[in-house]
């Protein structure tokens, strides 16, 4: 693998670590908040008064499950980043699928409808898209040459 390709993978790995840490933090915030606080933490562009209220226990449980998912998505992408750093092609695919599909749902159902502010929400989508693009650029450029990534 060329030094330029390794540099691109290291940049992608760094982006995944940033994305992962933000999502672990978001997961912890949601898991440690009541339902109103969890919704306010996620939908930060929505007037907090509109999200304040008593929610059924099942709603809180579903939100906690979302917080759990945010946390494991983050941890999985951080672990994947370590392997991407080393040029592992499986990690490029698995990390891209985990982070990319998590962010696709976020983009469609939370970001595009306008429930979140540009930072950190939309920025994290740009971060994951950039990590995917860099990783797959390297994968595509090395595919036919028998290289490892």
Protein backbone atom coordinates (compact mmCIF):
# COMPACT_ATOMS: atom_id res chain seq x y z
CA UNK A 1 0.00 0.00 0.00
CA UNK A 2 1.29 3.44 -0.86
CA UNK A 3 2.17 5.94 1.86
CA UNK A 4 -0.61 8.20 0.54
CA UNK A 5 -3.18 5.41 0.95
CA UNK A 6 -1.98 4.69 4.48
CA UNK A 7 -2.28 8.40 5.30
CA UNK A 8 -5.86 8.43 3.99
CA UNK A 9 -6.71 5.41 6.14
CA UNK A 10 -5.19 7.08 9.19
CA UNK A 11 -7.30 10.19 8.55
CA UNK A 12 -10.41 8.00 8.15
CA UNK A 13 -9.55 6.18 11.37
CA UNK A 14 -9.19 9.50 13.19
CA UNK A 15 -12.59 10.61 11.89
CA UNK A 16 -14.16 7.36 13.09
CA UNK A 17 -12.64 7.82 16.55
CA UNK A 18 -14.11 11.33 16.76
CA UNK A 19 -17.50 10.05 15.54
CA UNK A 20 -17.34 7.14 17.96
CA UNK A 21 -16.48 9.27 20.99
CA UNK A 22 -19.32 11.71 20.25
CA UNK A 23 -21.77 8.83 19.97
CA UNK A 24 -20.57 7.14 23.15
CA UNK A 25 -21.04 10.48 24.95
CA UNK A 26 -24.51 10.89 23.41
CA UNK A 27 -25.41 7.37 24.50
CA UNK A 28 -24.31 8.07 28.06
CA UNK A 29 -26.29 11.32 28.12
CA UNK A 30 -29.44 9.60 26.88
CA UNK A 31 -29.03 6.64 29.23
CA UNK A 32 -28.58 8.87 32.27
CA UNK A 33 -31.42 11.28 31.44
CA UNK A 34 -35.13 11.02 31.93
CA UNK A 35 -37.21 10.88 28.75
CA UNK A 36 -37.64 14.66 28.50
CA UNK A 37 -33.92 15.24 28.97
CA UNK A 38 -33.02 12.51 26.51
CA UNK A 39 -35.26 13.97 23.82
CA UNK A 40 -33.92 17.46 24.52
CA UNK A 41 -30.34 16.20 24.20
CA UNK A 42 -31.06 14.63 20.81
CA UNK A 43 -33.51 17.11 19.28
CA UNK A 44 -31.51 20.20 20.20
CA UNK A 45 -33.13 22.42 17.54
CA UNK A 46 -36.60 21.85 19.01
CA UNK A 47 -37.92 24.19 21.70
CA UNK A 48 -37.18 22.37 24.98
CA UNK A 49 -40.64 23.30 26.29
CA UNK A 50 -42.19 21.27 23.45
CA UNK A 51 -40.33 18.18 24.67
CA UNK A 52 -40.98 18.66 28.37
CA UNK A 53 -43.59 16.40 29.84
CA UNK A 54 -44.48 13.08 31.37
CA UNK A 55 -43.81 10.19 29.04
CA UNK A 56 -45.07 6.64 29.39
CA UNK A 57 -42.50 4.24 30.80
CA UNK A 58 -42.35 2.43 27.45
CA UNK A 59 -41.28 5.65 25.72
CA UNK A 60 -38.46 6.03 28.23
CA UNK A 61 -37.47 2.40 27.66
CA UNK A 62 -37.34 2.87 23.89
CA UNK A 63 -35.26 6.01 24.35
CA UNK A 64 -32.86 4.11 26.64
CA UNK A 65 -32.53 1.46 23.95
CA UNK A 66 -31.61 4.25 21.51
CA UNK A 67 -28.99 5.50 23.99
CA UNK A 68 -27.61 1.96 24.26
CA UNK A 69 -27.41 1.77 20.45
CA UNK A 70 -25.62 5.11 20.26
CA UNK A 71 -23.06 3.82 22.74
CA UNK A 72 -22.35 0.52 21.02
CA UNK A 73 -22.24 2.17 17.57
CA UNK A 74 -19.61 4.49 18.99
CA UNK A 75 -17.56 1.74 20.63
CA UNK A 76 -17.72 -0.44 17.51
CA UNK A 77 -16.50 2.38 15.27
CA UNK A 78 -13.65 3.19 17.64
CA UNK A 79 -12.55 -0.44 17.57
CA UNK A 80 -12.97 -0.49 13.79
CA UNK A 81 -10.85 2.64 13.53
CA UNK A 82 -7.95 0.84 15.20
CA UNK A 83 -8.09 -1.84 12.51
CA UNK A 84 -8.57 0.69 9.69
CA UNK A 85 -5.44 2.45 10.95
CA UNK A 86 -3.60 -0.81 10.24
CA UNK A 87 -5.15 -1.18 6.75
CA UNK A 88 -7.65 -3.95 7.49
CA UNK A 89 -10.15 -4.21 4.61
CA UNK A 90 -12.78 -6.00 6.72
CA UNK A 91 -12.73 -3.12 9.19
CA UNK A 92 -13.29 -0.63 6.36
CA UNK A 93 -16.48 -2.50 5.42
CA UNK A 94 -17.79 -3.29 8.90
CA UNK A 95 -17.09 0.16 10.34
CA UNK A 96 -18.57 1.83 7.28
CA UNK A 97 -21.72 -0.26 7.60
CA UNK A 98 -22.16 0.37 11.32
CA UNK A 99 -21.42 4.09 11.31
CA UNK A 100 -22.87 4.73 7.88
CA UNK A 101 -26.19 3.01 8.45
CA UNK A 102 -26.54 4.57 11.90
CA UNK A 103 -26.02 8.00 10.37
CA UNK A 104 -28.30 7.30 7.40
CA UNK A 105 -31.24 6.77 9.76
CA UNK A 106 -30.26 9.87 11.70
CA UNK A 107 -30.01 11.92 8.48
CA UNK A 108 -33.41 10.79 7.18
CA UNK A 109 -35.47 10.95 10.36
CA UNK A 110 -33.82 13.56 12.58
CA UNK A 111 -31.50 15.83 10.58
CA UNK A 112 -33.43 16.47 7.35
CA UNK A 113 -36.70 17.23 9.17
CA UNK A 114 -34.80 19.91 11.11
CA UNK A 115 -34.93 18.55 14.66
CA UNK A 116 -31.22 19.10 15.30
CA UNK A 117 -28.68 21.87 15.05
CA UNK A 118 -25.85 21.76 12.52
CA UNK A 119 -23.32 21.17 15.30
CA UNK A 120 -22.83 18.51 16.46
CA UNK A 121 -25.47 16.54 14.56
CA UNK A 122 -24.98 17.37 10.90
CA UNK A 123 -21.24 17.73 11.42
CA UNK A 124 -21.05 14.13 12.67
CA UNK A 125 -22.88 12.97 9.53
CA UNK A 126 -20.27 14.80 7.45
CA UNK A 127 -17.51 13.21 9.55
CA UNK A 128 -18.83 9.68 8.98
CA UNK A 129 -19.43 10.30 5.27
CA UNK A 130 -15.86 11.58 4.95
CA UNK A 131 -14.46 8.55 6.78
CA UNK A 132 -16.43 6.24 4.50
CA UNK A 133 -15.35 8.09 1.35
CA UNK A 134 -11.66 8.07 2.30
CA UNK A 135 -11.69 4.40 3.29
CA UNK A 136 -13.49 3.26 0.19
CA UNK A 137 -11.28 5.42 -2.03
CA UNK A 138 -8.29 3.49 -0.71
CA UNK A 139 -10.12 0.17 -1.02
CA UNK A 140 -11.07 0.88 -4.64
CA UNK A 141 -7.59 2.12 -5.55
CA UNK A 142 -5.90 -1.03 -4.20
CA UNK A 143 -8.50 -3.65 -5.21
CA UNK A 144 -7.07 -4.83 -8.51
CA UNK A 145 -3.44 -4.77 -7.42
CA UNK A 146 -3.50 -7.53 -4.83
CA UNK A 147 -2.83 -5.14 -1.96
CA UNK A 148 -4.25 -5.66 1.51
CA UNK A 149 -6.71 -2.78 1.71
